[in-house]
Amino acid sequence: MTHPPLGDMLATLRETTPLVHCMTNYVAMNSTANLLLAIGASPAMLHAPEEVAEFTVIAGALSINIGTISSSWAASMALAARAANEAGTPWVLDPVAVGATAFRQQVCTELLAHQPTVIRANASEVMALTGLTSQGRGVDATTTTEDAAQAAIGLAQQQRCIVAMTGETDFITDGTHHYRLTGGHSMMPRVTTLGCGLSALVAGFVAANREDPLTATLAALACFSIAGSRAGQQASGPGSFQVALLDALYSLTPDDLSSLSQLEALHAV
């Protein structure tokens, strides 16, 4: 299997500056917007039910993160996801702590009916989405990506979407093609909302590269991995790491992405 043209995905994103509609949580809004700006996309944060459907149709992509979900936000998210599905706008679901409560499971069940383009989740969330037993601990992953690989493949096949399962090692599948990505830095879990921002980053890449959402997803994760590794080499702690990560994303080049990504195509899982 040939290596996907990851650098081309970044170049196209920066040429087109896609508008990403982010329905994300209170904790993540600022950091998510900054991550998108650093990579070259344009963020927008709308949640009002009166306008989300209308705006989703004109955006390049939609990113839904259920981190600080409420009944009103759940209704708005369903409206936006439905509009995205009907208009053919790609959208990304980040099912934060879906296994923790019945309400989160109900919300995600309704959102999945609107056929997300990509599900970006940790291993415990993937297991919860597939209905398998998982002792999810809030937003933290208590299951490894290796344990949940088959669940991810099954979820991708069932939903006819891409599943990007992230952790110490990332596993990405469309149900047929499977990839493993390594890299990043051990300090990344010490900074809140990076996963939320990554989901929005995936939406940005898919918006700019609609014809190849799988490679676009791989490129987004590879950007985060390389930038995280570089930031970790410069940072002395979580505070400086967050600043260094923004700088690393901003300075990343298409050549960097093509040559430095630790991506492996898997022929069997």
Foldseek 3Di string as FASTA:
>chain_A
DDDDLLLVLLVLLQVVQFEEEEAEDPVAPVLLQLLSVLSRHHYDYDQQLVPLLVVLLVGLEYEYECQPPDPSSLVSLLSNLQSCLVNVRAYEYELFPCVPDPVSVVSVVSSLVSQHQEYEAAQQVLCVNLVHDHPDDGRDDPDHCVRRVVSQLVVLVVSQHWYWHDDQWIWIDNNQWIKIWHAADPQVVVAPNPSVSLRSLLRSSCSSVVVCSRSSNVSSVQLQRVLRRQLVVVDPHNVSSSVSSSVSSNPDHSVCSVPPTRMDIDPDD
